[in-house]
Amino acid sequence: MTIQAQFSTKKWEISPNKVMPITSISYSSGVKTETANTSGGKDKVVSKGYKADTLSVSYNVQKNAGCNPEVEYSDMKVLVGKTAPFLLNGKRFGANMYRLNSVRPSDIILTNKGEILSMTITAGFEEPIVAKSDAKTIGKTAKAIEKFKSEKGIKK
């Protein structure tokens, strides 16, 4: 069995019993910019930090490849809102952590009775950004913990 990629409990695998490979990955990383007017009449572009990295993964699930499309879609929907690293070939890919924001089925093929034979699932991920106010709170909490440990003589 080969695990092509993994997010949280979801594994894209290729094995004798199940073939569910990723067919497309899109990744985006960038800088936030702002345009400011200068006295010379030319606009100046100012960097305002980094944009959150985004990741989109598409994969096809088919009954004849050992997958149940409805179950696979439900399993992904349960993970919406979860945060975890995205691993590709066992190594972290892109940002340290991603939050699964969306799951979208498409290209659904049905039998005459309405049974789903196959579908393409697209999962949309975004790097979670910690707000400045949260970062300050986290920093204060960490300092309070360190102070408490030193007062009590607790070593790391």
Protein backbone atom coordinates (compact mmCIF):
# COMPACT_ATOMS: atom_id res chain seq x y z
CA MET A 1 0.00 0.00 0.00
CA THR A 2 1.21 3.50 -0.87
CA ILE A 3 -0.01 6.59 0.96
CA GLN A 4 0.25 9.44 -1.56
CA ALA A 5 -0.92 12.19 0.81
CA GLN A 6 -2.58 12.70 4.17
CA PHE A 7 -4.55 15.38 6.03
CA SER A 8 -5.61 14.57 9.59
CA THR A 9 -7.25 11.11 9.37
CA LYS A 10 -7.78 11.29 5.58
CA LYS A 11 -5.34 9.26 3.47
CA TRP A 12 -5.13 9.20 -0.31
CA GLU A 13 -3.91 5.71 -1.00
CA ILE A 14 -3.08 3.32 -3.77
CA SER A 15 -3.30 -0.33 -2.83
CA PRO A 16 -4.59 -3.60 -4.32
CA ASN A 17 -7.94 -3.01 -2.56
CA LYS A 18 -8.36 0.74 -3.06
CA VAL A 19 -7.19 3.20 -5.70
CA MET A 20 -7.80 6.82 -4.72
CA PRO A 21 -4.97 9.02 -6.03
CA ILE A 22 -4.90 12.80 -6.07
CA THR A 23 -5.40 14.00 -9.64
CA SER A 24 -4.71 17.72 -9.12
CA ILE A 25 -3.05 20.00 -6.56
CA SER A 26 -3.09 23.80 -6.65
CA TYR A 27 -1.05 25.85 -4.19
CA SER A 28 -0.91 29.61 -3.69
CA SER A 29 1.31 31.82 -1.57
CA GLY A 30 1.66 35.58 -1.77
CA VAL A 31 2.21 38.99 -0.25
CA LYS A 32 -0.45 41.50 0.84
CA THR A 33 0.16 44.83 -0.85
CA GLU A 34 -1.28 48.31 -0.67
CA THR A 35 -0.90 51.10 -3.20
CA ALA A 36 -0.06 54.52 -1.77
CA ASN A 37 0.03 57.83 -3.63
CA THR A 38 3.32 59.69 -3.48
CA SER A 39 4.01 63.38 -3.95
CA GLY A 40 5.71 62.71 -7.30
CA GLY A 41 2.45 61.44 -8.79
CA LYS A 42 3.62 57.85 -9.00
CA ASP A 43 1.94 55.15 -6.99
CA LYS A 44 4.08 53.27 -4.51
CA VAL A 45 3.35 49.62 -3.68
CA VAL A 46 3.85 48.81 -0.01
CA SER A 47 4.06 45.25 1.36
CA LYS A 48 1.72 44.60 4.27
CA GLY A 49 2.72 41.05 5.18
CA TYR A 50 1.96 37.63 3.81
CA LYS A 51 -1.35 36.26 2.57
CA ALA A 52 -2.56 32.97 3.97
CA ASP A 53 -1.36 30.04 1.85
CA THR A 54 -4.14 28.15 0.10
CA LEU A 55 -4.23 24.61 -1.19
CA SER A 56 -6.78 22.82 -3.37
CA VAL A 57 -6.76 19.06 -3.87
CA SER A 58 -8.94 17.13 -6.35
CA TYR A 59 -9.33 13.37 -6.49
CA ASN A 60 -11.63 10.89 -8.13
CA VAL A 61 -13.44 8.17 -6.18
CA GLN A 62 -14.98 5.22 -8.02
CA LYS A 63 -16.84 2.14 -6.85
CA ASN A 64 -14.95 -0.06 -9.31
CA ALA A 65 -11.67 1.11 -7.72
CA GLY A 66 -12.61 -0.03 -4.21
CA CYS A 67 -14.10 3.27 -3.01
CA ASN A 68 -17.60 4.18 -1.93
CA PRO A 69 -18.05 7.76 -3.26
CA GLU A 70 -20.78 8.65 -0.75
CA VAL A 71 -18.72 7.44 2.22
CA GLU A 72 -15.57 9.19 0.97
CA TYR A 73 -17.48 12.47 0.57
CA SER A 74 -19.04 12.14 4.04
CA ASP A 75 -15.64 11.37 5.57
CA MET A 76 -14.24 14.60 4.09
CA LYS A 77 -17.23 16.70 5.18
CA VAL A 78 -16.60 15.64 8.79
CA LEU A 79 -13.11 17.16 8.56
CA VAL A 80 -14.32 20.63 7.50
CA GLY A 81 -13.03 23.13 10.07
CA LYS A 82 -10.24 20.81 11.26
CA THR A 83 -6.63 21.99 11.28
CA ALA A 84 -3.68 19.69 10.54
CA PRO A 85 -0.54 19.55 8.41
CA PHE A 86 -0.94 18.38 4.81
CA LEU A 87 1.57 15.63 4.06
CA LEU A 88 2.63 14.75 0.53
CA ASN A 89 4.81 11.65 0.21
CA GLY A 90 5.19 11.68 4.00
CA LYS A 91 6.58 15.25 4.09
CA ARG A 92 4.84 18.47 5.06
CA PHE A 93 3.70 20.35 1.95
CA GLY A 94 3.23 24.13 1.96
CA ALA A 95 2.27 25.83 5.22
CA ASN A 96 2.88 24.26 8.63
CA MET A 97 -0.87 23.80 9.15
CA TYR A 98 -3.99 24.01 7.02
CA ARG A 99 -7.68 24.27 7.88
CA LEU A 100 -10.08 22.38 5.63
CA ASN A 101 -12.57 25.07 4.55
CA SER A 102 -14.60 23.37 1.84
CA VAL A 103 -15.44 20.05 0.22
CA ARG A 104 -17.15 20.05 -3.18
CA PRO A 105 -18.31 17.03 -5.20
CA SER A 106 -18.52 17.28 -8.99
CA ASP A 107 -18.63 15.09 -12.11
CA ILE A 108 -21.02 12.70 -10.36
CA ILE A 109 -21.89 9.60 -12.38
CA LEU A 110 -25.07 7.74 -11.41
CA THR A 111 -26.67 4.42 -12.29
CA ASN A 112 -30.22 4.36 -13.67
CA LYS A 113 -31.41 3.79 -10.09
CA GLY A 114 -29.50 6.82 -8.76
CA GLU A 115 -26.62 4.99 -7.14
CA ILE A 116 -23.39 7.01 -7.25
CA LEU A 117 -20.70 5.16 -9.20
CA SER A 118 -18.04 7.88 -9.15
CA MET A 119 -17.39 11.51 -8.35
CA THR A 120 -14.58 14.00 -8.21
CA ILE A 121 -14.07 15.59 -4.79
CA THR A 122 -12.29 18.91 -4.43
CA ALA A 123 -11.07 19.92 -0.98
CA GLY A 124 -10.12 23.55 -0.27
CA PHE A 125 -7.58 24.32 2.47
CA GLU A 126 -6.30 27.59 3.92
CA GLU A 127 -3.49 28.37 6.32
CA PRO A 128 -5.05 29.52 9.61
CA ILE A 129 -3.82 32.98 10.57
CA VAL A 130 -3.57 33.88 14.24
CA ALA A 131 -4.98 37.36 14.89
CA LYS A 132 -2.65 39.86 16.57
CA SER A 133 -4.90 39.97 19.64
CA ASP A 134 -4.75 36.15 19.88
CA ALA A 135 -0.98 36.18 19.43
CA LYS A 136 -0.65 38.67 22.33
CA THR A 137 -2.84 36.48 24.54
CA ILE A 138 -0.86 33.38 23.59
CA GLY A 139 2.38 35.23 24.39
CA LYS A 140 1.06 36.42 27.77
CA THR A 141 -0.14 32.92 28.60
CA ALA A 142 3.24 31.43 27.72
CA LYS A 143 5.01 34.02 29.90
CA ALA A 144 2.63 33.30 32.79
CA ILE A 145 3.31 29.57 32.49
CA GLU A 146 7.08 30.14 32.48
CA LYS A 147 6.81 32.44 35.52
CA PHE A 148 4.71 29.85 37.38
CA LYS A 149 7.20 27.09 36.53
CA SER A 150 10.17 29.14 37.74
CA GLU A 151 8.37 30.13 40.96
CA LYS A 152 7.58 26.47 41.70
CA GLY A 153 11.02 25.25 40.67
CA ILE A 154 9.66 23.20 37.78
CA LYS A 155 12.18 22.55 35.05
CA LYS A 156 11.24 22.14 31.41
